Amino acid sequence: MKTTPPLIAALLAATLLAAGCASNAPAPVDDRRPLRTPQPKPPTAQAAPAPGAAARPGTYVVKRGDTLYSIALEHGVDYHDLARWNRIDDPSKIRAGQELRVAAPEERAAAGVQVGSARLPGAIEARPLGAAAAAQPAADQGTKTWPKALRLPYSQANQALLAKSEAPPPAPAASQAPPAAAATAAPAPEARAAAPAAAAEAGTIQFSWPAHGKVIAGFSEPNNKGLDIAGKLGDPVYAAAPGRVMYTGTGIRGYGKLIVIKHEDGFNSVYAHNRAILVKEGQTVARGQRIAELGDTDADSPQLHFEIRKSGKPVDPARYLPPPS
């Protein structure tokens, strides 16, 4: 059977169309570019310590409610120094969780651990080892030196001499007691260290009463960090010891109008609830000088709250004040 020409043309067209589609298929690609190794992510900035986290030596982690003034008072430092050490221009701009340096840079370095070679007093003694050590005297080797072995020819005289050398040395007489026995009669260093009074602890500082009035609350930390002395509005408040006014203001909650005076030997004195402040920061004051008027700011009644602090830690003022007159 013969195929008609139109049918042959149709078959030829279909064949050519299929060949054209096959030629349009994508050819395989050979990628010869070098592989890229993943780059490590840049380290993220270290987060600030969380509130309540333990601080490093010489530093303090700010807690909620703290102010620069309260931190300075608790650590016995000037708030001006505290701001300078931490490059703080505005004392009100501190935040919870912030780590602050609370000691001078040189003091902070001294508080850390230093690693170095140990030096002992006196010259170093060198001792030989091995056979050379055997040639050293017995006393140097720490060995027993009595009794000594003797090799003598037999005779009654030598036998008597040998018996005498084997006898133990006589005990020391009672009047010749060893130094150790005499040392036990002396008081122990701990007993001598427990004797000093608060006056000696304060060195040359002599504290006097800052106000004339009845003590209505005594020292009882942590409830009361000082003495509360009752009085009338406007009664004089005196500096308890000579020193320099370190702070005046109302920047510590619960203290009202406050004065902090810095003294020698790491002592500070605190005068709170004043009605009026009569001195300025940086001013030098004498013991007994009038520095404020008694008031009731942040208090339920007219009174002076008085504290003595040693290196920032409150101590009982009654230990340092003379008996009330």
Protein backbone atom coordinates (compact mmCIF):
# COMPACT_ATOMS: atom_id res chain seq x y z
CA MET A 1 0.00 0.00 0.00
CA LYS A 2 1.43 3.33 -1.01
CA THR A 3 1.49 6.23 1.46
CA THR A 4 0.05 9.44 0.24
CA PRO A 5 2.40 12.45 0.03
CA PRO A 6 0.54 14.52 2.65
CA LEU A 7 0.97 11.77 5.25
CA ILE A 8 4.67 11.50 4.52
CA ALA A 9 5.05 15.24 4.96
CA ALA A 10 3.27 15.10 8.31
CA LEU A 11 5.54 12.32 9.58
CA LEU A 12 8.63 14.20 8.45
CA ALA A 13 7.46 17.36 10.21
CA ALA A 14 6.84 15.44 13.46
CA THR A 15 10.33 13.92 13.30
CA LEU A 16 11.98 17.31 12.80
CA LEU A 17 9.98 18.82 15.67
CA ALA A 18 11.11 16.09 18.08
CA ALA A 19 14.73 16.60 17.06
CA GLY A 20 14.43 20.36 17.70
CA CYS A 21 13.06 19.83 21.22
CA ALA A 22 15.89 17.45 22.02
CA SER A 23 18.45 20.04 20.95
CA ASN A 24 16.96 22.60 23.40
CA ALA A 25 17.57 20.38 26.48
CA PRO A 26 20.10 21.93 28.95
CA ALA A 27 23.62 20.65 28.62
CA PRO A 28 25.40 19.34 31.76
CA VAL A 29 27.38 22.03 33.63
CA ASP A 30 30.82 21.35 35.10
CA ASP A 31 31.41 23.91 37.94
CA ARG A 32 35.16 24.21 38.49
CA ARG A 33 35.01 27.14 40.96
CA PRO A 34 36.75 26.49 44.34
CA LEU A 35 34.50 25.57 47.22
CA ARG A 36 33.97 28.30 49.85
CA THR A 37 34.73 27.32 53.42
CA PRO A 38 32.23 28.68 55.97
CA GLN A 39 33.63 31.67 57.81
CA PRO A 40 33.29 31.78 61.64
CA LYS A 41 30.82 34.29 62.99
CA PRO A 42 32.35 37.35 64.64
CA PRO A 43 32.28 37.15 68.44
CA THR A 44 29.41 38.96 70.05
CA ALA A 45 30.02 41.66 72.63
CA GLN A 46 30.22 40.43 76.22
CA ALA A 47 26.98 40.99 78.03
CA ALA A 48 26.94 43.04 81.19
CA PRO A 49 26.74 41.06 84.45
CA ALA A 50 23.20 40.25 85.48
CA PRO A 51 21.81 41.96 88.60
CA GLY A 52 22.87 40.06 91.71
CA ALA A 53 25.86 38.43 89.98
CA ALA A 54 29.07 38.08 91.98
CA ALA A 55 31.43 40.96 91.38
CA ARG A 56 35.15 40.63 90.77
CA PRO A 57 37.56 41.83 93.47
CA GLY A 58 37.58 45.62 93.61
CA THR A 59 34.29 45.92 91.72
CA TYR A 60 30.58 46.09 92.54
CA VAL A 61 27.54 45.05 90.49
CA VAL A 62 24.79 47.67 90.71
CA LYS A 63 21.51 46.45 92.19
CA ARG A 64 18.03 47.87 91.77
CA GLY A 65 17.58 50.96 93.95
CA ASP A 66 21.30 51.77 94.21
CA THR A 67 22.61 55.25 93.62
CA LEU A 68 26.18 56.35 93.05
CA TYR A 69 26.07 58.05 96.46
CA SER A 70 24.84 54.97 98.31
CA ILE A 71 27.47 52.78 96.63
CA ALA A 72 30.18 55.26 97.61
CA LEU A 73 28.95 55.29 101.23
CA GLU A 74 28.84 51.49 101.46
CA HIS A 75 32.43 51.23 100.22
CA GLY A 76 33.84 54.18 102.14
CA VAL A 77 34.94 56.15 99.07
CA ASP A 78 34.25 59.62 97.71
CA TYR A 79 31.54 59.58 95.05
CA HIS A 80 33.66 61.96 92.98
CA ASP A 81 36.40 59.31 92.85
CA LEU A 82 33.81 56.62 92.11
CA ALA A 83 32.53 58.62 89.14
CA ARG A 84 36.06 59.30 87.87
CA TRP A 85 37.19 55.66 88.12
CA ASN A 86 34.17 54.60 86.05
CA ARG A 87 34.07 57.62 83.66
CA ILE A 88 30.58 58.61 84.79
CA ASP A 89 29.61 62.17 83.88
CA ASP A 90 26.08 62.06 85.34
CA PRO A 91 25.81 60.34 88.76
CA SER A 92 22.14 59.55 88.08
CA LYS A 93 22.97 57.45 85.01
CA ILE A 94 23.81 54.04 86.44
CA ARG A 95 21.80 50.89 85.74
CA ALA A 96 21.14 47.59 87.45
CA GLY A 97 23.66 44.96 86.41
CA GLN A 98 26.39 47.50 85.66
CA GLU A 99 29.80 46.63 87.06
CA LEU A 100 31.55 49.53 88.79
CA ARG A 101 35.11 49.84 90.04
CA VAL A 102 34.92 50.72 93.74
CA ALA A 103 38.65 50.88 94.49
CA ALA A 104 41.46 52.97 93.12
CA PRO A 105 43.32 51.25 90.25
CA GLU A 106 46.45 50.63 92.34
CA GLU A 107 44.37 49.26 95.24
CA ARG A 108 42.48 46.97 92.89
CA ALA A 109 45.74 45.60 91.46
CA ALA A 110 47.05 44.95 94.97
CA ALA A 111 43.88 42.99 95.81
CA GLY A 112 44.56 40.47 93.02
CA VAL A 113 46.80 37.45 93.17
CA GLN A 114 50.37 38.01 92.06
CA VAL A 115 52.47 35.14 90.79
CA GLY A 116 56.23 35.32 91.21
CA SER A 117 59.26 33.67 92.70
CA ALA A 118 59.28 33.32 96.46
CA ARG A 119 62.19 34.84 98.37
CA LEU A 120 63.13 33.54 101.80
CA PRO A 121 65.25 35.46 104.32
CA GLY A 122 68.86 34.39 104.68
CA ALA A 123 71.26 32.63 102.35
CA ILE A 124 70.38 29.39 100.57
CA GLU A 125 72.30 26.40 101.90
CA ALA A 126 73.52 23.90 99.30
CA ARG A 127 74.08 20.29 100.32
CA PRO A 128 75.77 17.59 98.18
CA LEU A 129 73.96 14.44 97.13
CA GLY A 130 75.01 10.80 96.99
CA ALA A 131 78.42 9.81 98.27
CA ALA A 132 79.36 13.39 99.03
CA ALA A 133 76.42 13.61 101.42
CA ALA A 134 77.74 10.67 103.39
CA ALA A 135 80.92 12.63 104.10
CA GLN A 136 78.97 15.37 105.86
CA PRO A 137 78.85 15.40 109.67
CA ALA A 138 76.02 13.35 111.16
CA ALA A 139 74.43 16.41 112.70
CA ASP A 140 74.06 17.95 109.23
CA GLN A 141 72.27 14.84 107.95
CA GLY A 142 69.80 14.84 110.80
CA THR A 143 70.91 11.38 112.04
CA LYS A 144 71.30 10.20 115.61
CA THR A 145 74.72 10.95 117.11
CA TRP A 146 74.45 8.96 120.36
CA PRO A 147 75.61 6.37 121.34
CA LYS A 148 78.87 6.15 119.38
CA ALA A 149 80.44 2.83 118.41
CA LEU A 150 83.94 2.30 119.79
CA ARG A 151 86.45 -0.47 118.87
CA LEU A 152 88.98 -0.89 121.68
CA PRO A 153 91.14 -3.81 122.79
CA TYR A 154 89.71 -5.75 125.71
CA SER A 155 90.77 -4.58 129.15
CA GLN A 156 89.06 -3.74 132.41
CA ALA A 157 89.77 -0.03 131.88
CA ASN A 158 88.29 -0.06 128.38
CA GLN A 159 85.29 -2.04 129.60
CA ALA A 160 84.64 0.60 132.26
CA LEU A 161 85.04 3.36 129.67
CA LEU A 162 82.57 1.61 127.34
CA ALA A 163 80.00 1.23 130.10
CA LYS A 164 80.33 4.91 130.90
CA SER A 165 79.85 5.96 127.27
CA GLU A 166 76.67 3.88 126.97
CA ALA A 167 75.03 5.68 129.89
CA PRO A 168 72.34 8.23 128.75
CA PRO A 169 73.15 11.92 129.26
CA PRO A 170 71.87 13.37 132.54
CA ALA A 171 68.58 15.28 132.51
CA PRO A 172 68.85 19.09 132.71
CA ALA A 173 68.39 20.61 136.14
CA ALA A 174 65.16 22.37 137.03
CA SER A 175 66.94 25.72 137.00
CA GLN A 176 68.11 25.06 133.44
CA ALA A 177 64.71 24.50 131.84
CA PRO A 178 64.72 24.59 128.04
CA PRO A 179 63.57 27.80 126.33
CA ALA A 180 60.40 26.09 125.13
CA ALA A 181 59.16 25.66 128.70
CA ALA A 182 59.69 29.34 129.43
CA ALA A 183 57.91 30.31 126.25
CA THR A 184 54.74 28.52 127.33
CA ALA A 185 54.38 30.91 130.25
CA ALA A 186 54.09 33.93 127.91
CA PRO A 187 50.58 34.84 126.69
CA ALA A 188 49.65 33.62 123.24
CA PRO A 189 49.58 36.17 120.38
CA GLU A 190 45.82 35.63 120.03
CA ALA A 191 45.30 36.58 123.67
CA ARG A 192 47.33 39.75 123.21
CA ALA A 193 45.50 40.63 119.95
CA ALA A 194 42.07 40.41 121.62
CA ALA A 195 42.93 43.13 124.13
CA PRO A 196 43.03 46.39 122.08
CA ALA A 197 40.10 48.72 122.67
CA ALA A 198 38.17 50.65 120.09
CA ALA A 199 40.10 53.81 120.94
CA ALA A 200 43.36 52.19 119.91
CA GLU A 201 41.63 50.81 116.83
CA ALA A 202 40.74 54.34 115.78
CA GLY A 203 44.37 55.42 116.08
CA THR A 204 44.76 59.10 116.93
CA ILE A 205 41.09 59.94 116.21
CA GLN A 206 39.02 61.04 119.20
CA PHE A 207 35.27 61.03 118.57
CA SER A 208 32.84 63.20 120.51
CA TRP A 209 29.05 63.18 120.68
CA PRO A 210 27.50 64.89 117.62
CA ALA A 211 24.37 66.08 119.45
CA HIS A 212 22.97 66.55 122.95
CA GLY A 213 19.99 64.33 123.43
CA LYS A 214 18.68 60.94 124.46
CA VAL A 215 19.64 57.86 122.46
CA ILE A 216 16.32 56.40 121.33
CA ALA A 217 17.74 53.56 119.19
CA GLY A 218 21.09 51.81 119.43
CA PHE A 219 23.29 50.05 116.94
CA SER A 220 21.70 46.85 115.65
CA GLU A 221 22.85 45.90 112.15
CA PRO A 222 21.25 45.37 109.70
CA ASN A 223 18.18 47.09 111.19
CA ASN A 224 20.01 50.15 112.51
CA LYS A 225 23.54 50.96 111.33
CA GLY A 226 24.14 53.68 113.92
CA LEU A 227 22.61 55.61 116.81
CA ASP A 228 19.38 57.65 116.76
CA ILE A 229 19.59 60.70 119.03
CA ALA A 230 16.38 62.59 119.84
CA GLY A 231 16.26 66.38 119.86
CA LYS A 232 14.35 69.48 118.86
CA LEU A 233 14.13 71.01 115.41
CA GLY A 234 17.09 73.33 114.91
CA ASP A 235 19.29 71.84 117.65
CA PRO A 236 22.98 72.03 116.70
CA VAL A 237 24.71 69.04 115.10
CA TYR A 238 28.48 68.89 115.58
CA ALA A 239 31.29 67.13 113.73
CA ALA A 240 32.30 64.14 115.86
CA ALA A 241 35.94 64.27 114.71
CA PRO A 242 38.16 66.40 112.46
CA GLY A 243 38.02 65.62 108.76
CA ARG A 244 36.85 66.65 105.31
CA VAL A 245 33.22 66.86 104.16
CA MET A 246 32.90 64.14 101.54
CA TYR A 247 29.18 64.42 100.72
CA THR A 248 26.17 66.64 101.36
CA GLY A 249 22.74 66.09 99.84
CA THR A 250 19.66 63.88 99.65
CA GLY A 251 20.91 61.20 97.25
CA ILE A 252 20.53 58.24 99.64
CA ARG A 253 17.02 57.01 100.36
CA GLY A 254 16.00 57.02 104.02
CA TYR A 255 18.70 59.44 105.22
CA GLY A 256 17.07 62.74 104.35
CA LYS A 257 19.48 65.67 104.27
CA LEU A 258 22.79 63.96 104.83
CA ILE A 259 26.41 64.83 105.63
CA VAL A 260 29.33 62.39 105.32
CA ILE A 261 32.73 63.34 106.77
CA LYS A 262 35.94 61.49 105.94
CA HIS A 263 38.48 61.00 108.75
CA GLU A 264 41.89 59.36 109.06
CA ASP A 265 42.55 55.59 109.25
CA GLY A 266 39.66 54.77 106.91
CA PHE A 267 36.89 56.14 109.18
CA ASN A 268 33.81 58.05 107.99
CA SER A 269 31.02 59.60 110.05
CA VAL A 270 27.42 60.02 108.86
CA TYR A 271 24.84 62.63 109.99
CA ALA A 272 21.29 62.12 108.69
CA HIS A 273 17.76 63.68 108.91
CA ASN A 274 19.14 67.25 109.16
CA ARG A 275 16.88 70.24 108.69
CA ALA A 276 19.68 72.41 107.29
CA ILE A 277 23.25 71.74 106.22
CA LEU A 278 25.83 74.36 107.18
CA VAL A 279 28.94 73.00 105.41
CA LYS A 280 29.95 72.30 101.83
CA GLU A 281 31.60 69.37 100.10
CA GLY A 282 35.38 69.52 100.29
CA GLN A 283 35.34 71.72 103.39
CA THR A 284 37.67 70.84 106.27
CA VAL A 285 35.97 70.75 109.68
CA ALA A 286 37.19 70.51 113.26
CA ARG A 287 35.90 68.29 116.02
CA GLY A 288 32.97 70.00 117.74
CA GLN A 289 32.31 72.38 114.83
CA ARG A 290 28.62 73.01 114.10
CA ILE A 291 27.82 71.45 110.73
CA ALA A 292 24.01 71.18 110.60
CA GLU A 293 20.66 71.78 112.28
CA LEU A 294 18.82 68.75 113.65
CA GLY A 295 15.71 67.90 111.66
CA ASP A 296 13.21 65.23 110.66
CA THR A 297 13.78 64.77 106.91
CA ASP A 298 12.94 61.13 106.09
CA ALA A 299 12.21 60.53 109.78
CA ASP A 300 9.08 60.25 111.92
CA SER A 301 10.32 62.72 114.55
CA PRO A 302 13.16 65.23 115.04
CA GLN A 303 16.33 63.21 115.51
CA LEU A 304 19.90 62.75 114.38
CA HIS A 305 20.90 59.42 112.88
CA PHE A 306 24.65 59.09 113.48
CA GLU A 307 26.96 56.42 112.06
CA ILE A 308 30.67 55.61 112.24
CA ARG A 309 32.00 53.48 109.40
CA LYS A 310 35.35 51.74 109.04
CA SER A 311 36.29 51.16 105.37
CA GLY A 312 32.60 51.53 104.52
CA LYS A 313 31.39 48.97 107.08
CA PRO A 314 29.16 50.30 109.90
CA VAL A 315 30.55 49.84 113.42
CA ASP A 316 28.91 50.53 116.77
CA PRO A 317 29.44 54.25 117.54
CA ALA A 318 29.10 53.58 121.27
CA ARG A 319 32.47 51.81 121.18
CA TYR A 320 34.19 55.01 120.02
CA LEU A 321 32.27 57.71 121.87
CA PRO A 322 33.03 58.80 125.44
CA PRO A 323 30.46 58.00 128.13
CA PRO A 324 27.48 60.37 127.80
CA SER A 325 27.61 63.26 130.28
